[in-house]
N, C-alpha and C. Protein backbone atom coordinates (compact mmCIF):
# COMPACT_ATOMS: atom_id res chain seq x y z
N UNK A 1 42.76 -3.29 -50.18
CA UNK A 1 41.53 -3.42 -49.44
C UNK A 1 41.44 -2.34 -48.35
N UNK A 2 42.55 -2.08 -47.69
CA UNK A 2 42.57 -1.07 -46.66
C UNK A 2 42.30 0.32 -47.21
N UNK A 3 42.77 0.58 -48.43
CA UNK A 3 42.56 1.88 -49.05
C UNK A 3 41.07 2.16 -49.26
N UNK A 4 40.33 1.14 -49.65
CA UNK A 4 38.89 1.32 -49.87
C UNK A 4 38.18 1.63 -48.56
N UNK A 5 38.54 0.96 -47.50
CA UNK A 5 37.92 1.23 -46.20
C UNK A 5 38.25 2.63 -45.71
N UNK A 6 39.47 3.07 -45.93
CA UNK A 6 39.86 4.41 -45.53
C UNK A 6 39.09 5.47 -46.30
N UNK A 7 38.87 5.24 -47.59
CA UNK A 7 38.12 6.20 -48.41
C UNK A 7 36.67 6.28 -47.96
N UNK A 8 36.08 5.16 -47.61
CA UNK A 8 34.68 5.17 -47.18
C UNK A 8 34.52 5.94 -45.87
N UNK A 9 35.40 5.73 -44.94
CA UNK A 9 35.28 6.40 -43.65
C UNK A 9 35.65 7.88 -43.76
N UNK A 10 36.53 8.24 -44.67
CA UNK A 10 36.91 9.64 -44.81
C UNK A 10 35.82 10.44 -45.53
N UNK A 11 34.94 9.80 -46.26
CA UNK A 11 33.86 10.50 -46.95
C UNK A 11 32.71 10.83 -46.00
N UNK A 12 32.54 10.07 -44.97
CA UNK A 12 31.41 10.30 -44.07
C UNK A 12 31.47 11.66 -43.38
N UNK A 13 32.58 12.08 -42.81
CA UNK A 13 32.63 13.42 -42.21
C UNK A 13 32.42 14.52 -43.25
N UNK A 14 32.93 14.32 -44.45
CA UNK A 14 32.76 15.31 -45.50
C UNK A 14 31.29 15.42 -45.89
N UNK A 15 30.62 14.29 -46.00
CA UNK A 15 29.19 14.31 -46.34
C UNK A 15 28.38 14.96 -45.23
N UNK A 16 28.75 14.68 -44.00
CA UNK A 16 28.06 15.28 -42.86
C UNK A 16 28.25 16.79 -42.86
N UNK A 17 29.47 17.24 -43.13
CA UNK A 17 29.76 18.67 -43.19
C UNK A 17 28.97 19.33 -44.31
N UNK A 18 28.93 18.68 -45.46
CA UNK A 18 28.17 19.22 -46.59
C UNK A 18 26.70 19.33 -46.24
N UNK A 19 26.16 18.33 -45.58
CA UNK A 19 24.76 18.34 -45.19
C UNK A 19 24.47 19.47 -44.20
N UNK A 20 25.36 19.67 -43.25
CA UNK A 20 25.18 20.74 -42.27
C UNK A 20 25.24 22.11 -42.95
N UNK A 21 26.17 22.28 -43.86
CA UNK A 21 26.30 23.56 -44.58
C UNK A 21 25.05 23.82 -45.42
N UNK A 22 24.55 22.80 -46.11
CA UNK A 22 23.33 22.97 -46.91
C UNK A 22 22.12 23.28 -46.04
N UNK A 23 22.01 22.62 -44.90
CA UNK A 23 20.90 22.89 -43.99
C UNK A 23 20.97 24.31 -43.45
N UNK A 24 22.17 24.76 -43.12
CA UNK A 24 22.35 26.13 -42.64
C UNK A 24 22.01 27.14 -43.73
N UNK A 25 22.43 26.88 -44.96
CA UNK A 25 22.11 27.77 -46.06
C UNK A 25 20.60 27.82 -46.30
N UNK A 26 19.94 26.69 -46.20
CA UNK A 26 18.49 26.65 -46.36
C UNK A 26 17.79 27.42 -45.25
N UNK A 27 18.27 27.29 -44.03
CA UNK A 27 17.67 28.01 -42.90
C UNK A 27 17.83 29.52 -43.05
N UNK A 28 19.01 29.96 -43.49
CA UNK A 28 19.24 31.39 -43.70
C UNK A 28 18.36 31.91 -44.82
N UNK A 29 18.23 31.14 -45.90
CA UNK A 29 17.37 31.55 -47.01
C UNK A 29 15.92 31.63 -46.57
N UNK A 30 15.44 30.66 -45.82
CA UNK A 30 14.06 30.66 -45.35
C UNK A 30 13.80 31.82 -44.39
N UNK A 31 14.79 32.20 -43.61
CA UNK A 31 14.62 33.29 -42.66
C UNK A 31 14.55 34.64 -43.34
N UNK A 32 15.09 34.76 -44.55
CA UNK A 32 15.10 36.05 -45.23
C UNK A 32 13.96 36.22 -46.22
N UNK A 33 13.14 35.19 -46.41
CA UNK A 33 12.01 35.31 -47.32
C UNK A 33 10.95 36.22 -46.73
N UNK A 34 10.21 36.95 -47.58
CA UNK A 34 9.16 37.82 -47.04
C UNK A 34 8.03 36.99 -46.43
N UNK A 35 7.43 37.54 -45.39
CA UNK A 35 6.35 36.85 -44.70
C UNK A 35 5.05 37.61 -44.97
N UNK A 36 4.02 36.88 -45.37
CA UNK A 36 2.73 37.50 -45.63
C UNK A 36 1.93 37.54 -44.33
N UNK A 37 1.31 38.66 -44.07
CA UNK A 37 0.53 38.79 -42.84
C UNK A 37 -0.95 38.88 -43.16
N UNK A 38 -1.76 38.99 -42.13
CA UNK A 38 -3.19 39.10 -42.35
C UNK A 38 -3.54 40.51 -42.80
N UNK A 39 -4.75 40.69 -43.28
CA UNK A 39 -5.20 41.99 -43.79
C UNK A 39 -5.27 43.02 -42.67
N UNK A 40 -5.08 44.27 -43.05
CA UNK A 40 -5.15 45.36 -42.08
C UNK A 40 -6.60 45.77 -41.87
N UNK A 41 -6.87 46.44 -40.78
CA UNK A 41 -8.20 46.93 -40.45
C UNK A 41 -8.33 48.35 -40.98
N UNK A 42 -9.22 48.56 -41.95
CA UNK A 42 -9.37 49.89 -42.56
C UNK A 42 -9.93 50.91 -41.58
N UNK A 43 -10.61 50.48 -40.53
CA UNK A 43 -11.15 51.43 -39.56
C UNK A 43 -10.06 52.01 -38.68
N UNK A 44 -9.04 51.23 -38.36
CA UNK A 44 -7.95 51.72 -37.53
C UNK A 44 -6.83 52.33 -38.35
N UNK A 45 -6.59 51.80 -39.56
CA UNK A 45 -5.50 52.27 -40.41
C UNK A 45 -5.99 52.49 -41.84
N UNK A 46 -6.70 53.58 -42.09
CA UNK A 46 -7.17 53.82 -43.46
C UNK A 46 -5.98 54.03 -44.40
N UNK A 47 -6.15 53.65 -45.67
CA UNK A 47 -5.08 53.83 -46.64
C UNK A 47 -5.65 54.27 -47.98
N UNK A 48 -4.80 54.78 -48.84
CA UNK A 48 -5.23 55.31 -50.14
C UNK A 48 -5.78 54.20 -51.02
N UNK A 49 -5.19 53.02 -50.96
CA UNK A 49 -5.63 51.90 -51.80
C UNK A 49 -6.96 51.31 -51.32
N UNK A 50 -7.41 51.71 -50.13
CA UNK A 50 -8.66 51.21 -49.56
C UNK A 50 -8.62 49.70 -49.40
N UNK A 51 -7.44 49.17 -49.09
CA UNK A 51 -7.26 47.73 -48.94
C UNK A 51 -7.43 47.33 -47.48
N UNK A 52 -7.95 46.14 -47.27
CA UNK A 52 -8.07 45.61 -45.92
C UNK A 52 -9.50 45.26 -45.58
N UNK A 53 -9.72 44.96 -44.31
CA UNK A 53 -11.03 44.56 -43.82
C UNK A 53 -11.83 45.81 -43.49
N UNK A 54 -13.07 45.88 -43.99
CA UNK A 54 -13.89 47.07 -43.82
C UNK A 54 -14.76 47.02 -42.57
N UNK A 55 -14.63 45.98 -41.76
CA UNK A 55 -15.46 45.85 -40.57
C UNK A 55 -14.68 46.27 -39.33
N UNK A 56 -15.41 46.75 -38.32
CA UNK A 56 -14.78 47.03 -37.04
C UNK A 56 -14.55 45.70 -36.32
N UNK A 57 -13.77 45.72 -35.24
CA UNK A 57 -13.49 44.49 -34.51
C UNK A 57 -14.76 43.84 -33.96
N UNK A 58 -15.69 44.59 -33.35
CA UNK A 58 -16.92 43.94 -32.89
C UNK A 58 -17.74 43.34 -34.04
N UNK A 59 -17.71 43.96 -35.22
CA UNK A 59 -18.41 43.39 -36.37
C UNK A 59 -17.73 42.11 -36.84
N UNK A 60 -16.40 42.08 -36.77
CA UNK A 60 -15.67 40.88 -37.18
C UNK A 60 -15.95 39.72 -36.22
N UNK A 61 -16.00 40.01 -34.93
CA UNK A 61 -16.24 38.97 -33.93
C UNK A 61 -17.67 38.46 -34.03
N UNK A 62 -18.63 39.36 -34.22
CA UNK A 62 -20.03 38.97 -34.33
C UNK A 62 -20.56 38.41 -33.02
N UNK A 63 -21.52 37.52 -33.12
CA UNK A 63 -22.15 36.94 -31.93
C UNK A 63 -21.31 35.80 -31.35
N UNK A 64 -20.23 35.43 -32.01
CA UNK A 64 -19.40 34.34 -31.52
C UNK A 64 -20.02 33.00 -31.80
N UNK A 65 -19.66 32.00 -31.00
CA UNK A 65 -20.21 30.66 -31.20
C UNK A 65 -21.68 30.62 -30.81
N UNK A 66 -22.01 31.21 -29.68
CA UNK A 66 -23.40 31.26 -29.24
C UNK A 66 -24.00 29.89 -29.08
N UNK A 67 -25.32 29.81 -29.29
CA UNK A 67 -26.02 28.53 -29.28
C UNK A 67 -27.08 28.57 -30.38
N UNK A 68 -27.89 27.56 -30.44
CA UNK A 68 -28.88 27.44 -31.50
C UNK A 68 -29.91 28.56 -31.43
N UNK A 69 -30.10 29.16 -30.27
CA UNK A 69 -31.11 30.21 -30.10
C UNK A 69 -30.54 31.62 -30.23
N UNK A 70 -29.23 31.79 -30.42
CA UNK A 70 -28.62 33.11 -30.55
C UNK A 70 -28.50 33.48 -32.02
N UNK A 71 -29.31 34.46 -32.50
CA UNK A 71 -29.25 34.84 -33.91
C UNK A 71 -27.85 35.33 -34.31
N UNK A 72 -27.46 35.03 -35.53
CA UNK A 72 -26.19 35.42 -36.14
C UNK A 72 -24.96 34.78 -35.48
N UNK A 73 -25.15 33.83 -34.58
CA UNK A 73 -24.00 33.11 -34.04
C UNK A 73 -23.69 31.94 -34.96
N UNK A 74 -22.49 31.41 -34.83
CA UNK A 74 -22.10 30.32 -35.74
C UNK A 74 -22.97 29.08 -35.52
N UNK A 75 -23.31 28.77 -34.28
CA UNK A 75 -24.15 27.60 -34.02
C UNK A 75 -25.56 27.80 -34.59
N UNK A 76 -26.07 29.02 -34.53
CA UNK A 76 -27.40 29.33 -35.07
C UNK A 76 -27.41 29.18 -36.59
N UNK A 77 -26.35 29.67 -37.24
CA UNK A 77 -26.28 29.61 -38.71
C UNK A 77 -26.13 28.18 -39.19
N UNK A 78 -25.34 27.37 -38.50
CA UNK A 78 -25.11 25.99 -38.92
C UNK A 78 -26.35 25.14 -38.69
N UNK A 79 -27.08 25.39 -37.60
CA UNK A 79 -28.25 24.55 -37.25
C UNK A 79 -29.42 24.76 -38.14
């Protein structure tokens, strides 16, 4: 009976160690994966592939939230 209790308690630290090692391996793997970023601005950084956003920053921002009476603002378009 004592042998069974000893085996159960001796497995717990081993399981904990295995879990920590697996979590660390997962964290290292996740840290090395490539990260996708947002599109580049073609006006500031033109490229041969012509990839990215074709608007300038003021064009991207637009009229902002505005209000119901401000043309081309988000509130005006939704209303």
